[in-house]
Amino acid sequence: MDIYAQNIYEVIQNSIKKHILIIYNISANHYVGLTIYATESKELTYVKSINRFVDINNLQEYNKKNIKRVGVY
């Protein structure tokens, strides 16, 4: 799968701002994605094309109303 910066979104979930990588569009209002991290950790997988780390074991569903900005990180 090719991963691009255009698949990265800023969301607010539980009053916390974070960046996610959307990997699947369930419907017009629901998405599946992974949280993006800038620093390396033992549990994270490096994604070269975006130069960031993701936790592939922490897939989450997001609602469109939580997405604040598109294509940023």
C-alpha atoms as a PDB file:
ATOM      1  CA  MET A   1       0.000   0.000   0.000  1.00  0.00           C
ATOM      2  CA  ASP A   2       1.284   3.445  -0.894  1.00  0.00           C
ATOM      3  CA  ILE A   3       1.030   5.998   1.889  1.00  0.00           C
ATOM      4  CA  TYR A   4       1.027   9.716   1.203  1.00  0.00           C
ATOM      5  CA  ALA A   5       0.846  12.883   3.285  1.00  0.00           C
ATOM      6  CA  GLN A   6      -2.643  13.468   1.825  1.00  0.00           C
ATOM      7  CA  ASN A   7      -3.843  10.504   3.898  1.00  0.00           C
ATOM      8  CA  ILE A   8      -2.857  12.256   7.130  1.00  0.00           C
ATOM      9  CA  TYR A   9      -5.435  14.179   9.139  1.00  0.00           C
ATOM     10  CA  GLU A  10      -5.486  16.135  12.363  1.00  0.00           C
ATOM     11  CA  VAL A  11      -8.221  14.976  14.726  1.00  0.00           C
ATOM     12  CA  ILE A  12      -9.402  15.807  18.203  1.00  0.00           C
ATOM     13  CA  GLN A  13     -10.406  12.774  20.232  1.00  0.00           C
ATOM     14  CA  ASN A  14     -11.187  12.982  23.950  1.00  0.00           C
ATOM     15  CA  SER A  15      -9.958  16.607  23.934  1.00  0.00           C
ATOM     16  CA  ILE A  16      -6.559  15.491  22.620  1.00  0.00           C
ATOM     17  CA  LYS A  17      -5.221  16.686  19.271  1.00  0.00           C
ATOM     18  CA  LYS A  18      -3.340  14.068  17.254  1.00  0.00           C
ATOM     19  CA  HIS A  19      -2.455  13.127  13.707  1.00  0.00           C
ATOM     20  CA  ILE A  20      -3.783   9.979  12.107  1.00  0.00           C
ATOM     21  CA  LEU A  21      -3.209   8.057   8.923  1.00  0.00           C
ATOM     22  CA  ILE A  22      -6.545   7.147   7.304  1.00  0.00           C
ATOM     23  CA  ILE A  23      -6.245   3.723   5.718  1.00  0.00           C
ATOM     24  CA  TYR A  24      -9.893   2.941   4.957  1.00  0.00           C
ATOM     25  CA  ASN A  25     -13.031   4.945   4.307  1.00  0.00           C
ATOM     26  CA  ILE A  26     -15.992   3.048   5.829  1.00  0.00           C
ATOM     27  CA  SER A  27     -18.556   5.615   4.692  1.00  0.00           C
ATOM     28  CA  ALA A  28     -18.839   9.338   4.040  1.00  0.00           C
ATOM     29  CA  ASN A  29     -18.622   9.984   7.793  1.00  0.00           C
ATOM     30  CA  HIS A  30     -16.556   7.112   9.212  1.00  0.00           C
ATOM     31  CA  TYR A  31     -12.912   6.209   8.696  1.00  0.00           C
ATOM     32  CA  VAL A  32     -10.400   3.702   9.981  1.00  0.00           C
ATOM     33  CA  GLY A  33      -6.939   4.933  10.819  1.00  0.00           C
ATOM     34  CA  LEU A  34      -3.747   4.714  12.827  1.00  0.00           C
ATOM     35  CA  THR A  35      -2.163   7.317  15.108  1.00  0.00           C
ATOM     36  CA  ILE A  36       1.067   8.827  13.788  1.00  0.00           C
ATOM     37  CA  TYR A  37       4.083   9.419  16.006  1.00  0.00           C
ATOM     38  CA  ALA A  38       7.213  11.475  15.298  1.00  0.00           C
ATOM     39  CA  THR A  39       9.443   9.549  17.701  1.00  0.00           C
ATOM     40  CA  GLU A  40      10.507   5.945  17.506  1.00  0.00           C
ATOM     41  CA  SER A  41       9.293   3.371  19.995  1.00  0.00           C
ATOM     42  CA  LYS A  42       9.666  -0.391  20.288  1.00  0.00           C
ATOM     43  CA  GLU A  43       5.983  -1.023  19.474  1.00  0.00           C
ATOM     44  CA  LEU A  44       5.841   1.278  16.429  1.00  0.00           C
ATOM     45  CA  THR A  45       6.424   0.610  12.743  1.00  0.00           C
ATOM     46  CA  TYR A  46       8.366   3.105  10.628  1.00  0.00           C
ATOM     47  CA  VAL A  47       6.669   4.314   7.422  1.00  0.00           C
ATOM     48  CA  LYS A  48       9.377   5.639   5.122  1.00  0.00           C
ATOM     49  CA  SER A  49       7.114   7.545   2.700  1.00  0.00           C
ATOM     50  CA  ILE A  50       5.841   9.861   5.468  1.00  0.00           C
ATOM     51  CA  ASN A  51       8.929   9.617   7.710  1.00  0.00           C
ATOM     52  CA  ARG A  52       6.787   8.811  10.764  1.00  0.00           C
ATOM     53  CA  PHE A  53       5.897   5.867  13.008  1.00  0.00           C
ATOM     54  CA  VAL A  54       2.526   4.119  13.444  1.00  0.00           C
ATOM     55  CA  ASP A  55       1.158   1.501  15.826  1.00  0.00           C
ATOM     56  CA  ILE A  56      -0.280  -1.100  13.480  1.00  0.00           C
ATOM     57  CA  ASN A  57      -1.892  -2.894  16.439  1.00  0.00           C
ATOM     58  CA  ASN A  58      -4.015   0.115  17.397  1.00  0.00           C
ATOM     59  CA  LEU A  59      -6.488   0.503  14.546  1.00  0.00           C
ATOM     60  CA  GLN A  60      -9.321   2.891  15.438  1.00  0.00           C
ATOM     61  CA  GLU A  61     -12.514   4.231  13.913  1.00  0.00           C
ATOM     62  CA  TYR A  62     -12.883   7.984  13.510  1.00  0.00           C
ATOM     63  CA  ASN A  63     -15.902  10.143  12.784  1.00  0.00           C
ATOM     64  CA  LYS A  64     -15.767  12.957  10.251  1.00  0.00           C
ATOM     65  CA  LYS A  65     -16.802  15.494  12.917  1.00  0.00           C
ATOM     66  CA  ASN A  66     -13.526  14.774  14.783  1.00  0.00           C
ATOM     67  CA  ILE A  67     -11.366  15.644  11.764  1.00  0.00           C
ATOM     68  CA  LYS A  68     -10.143  19.218  12.015  1.00  0.00           C
ATOM     69  CA  ARG A  69      -7.583  19.574   9.227  1.00  0.00           C
ATOM     70  CA  VAL A  70      -6.586  17.529   6.206  1.00  0.00           C
ATOM     71  CA  GLY A  71      -3.137  16.582   4.932  1.00  0.00           C
ATOM     72  CA  VAL A  72      -1.048  17.852   7.823  1.00  0.00           C
ATOM     73  CA  TYR A  73       1.551  16.444  10.191  1.00  0.00           C
END
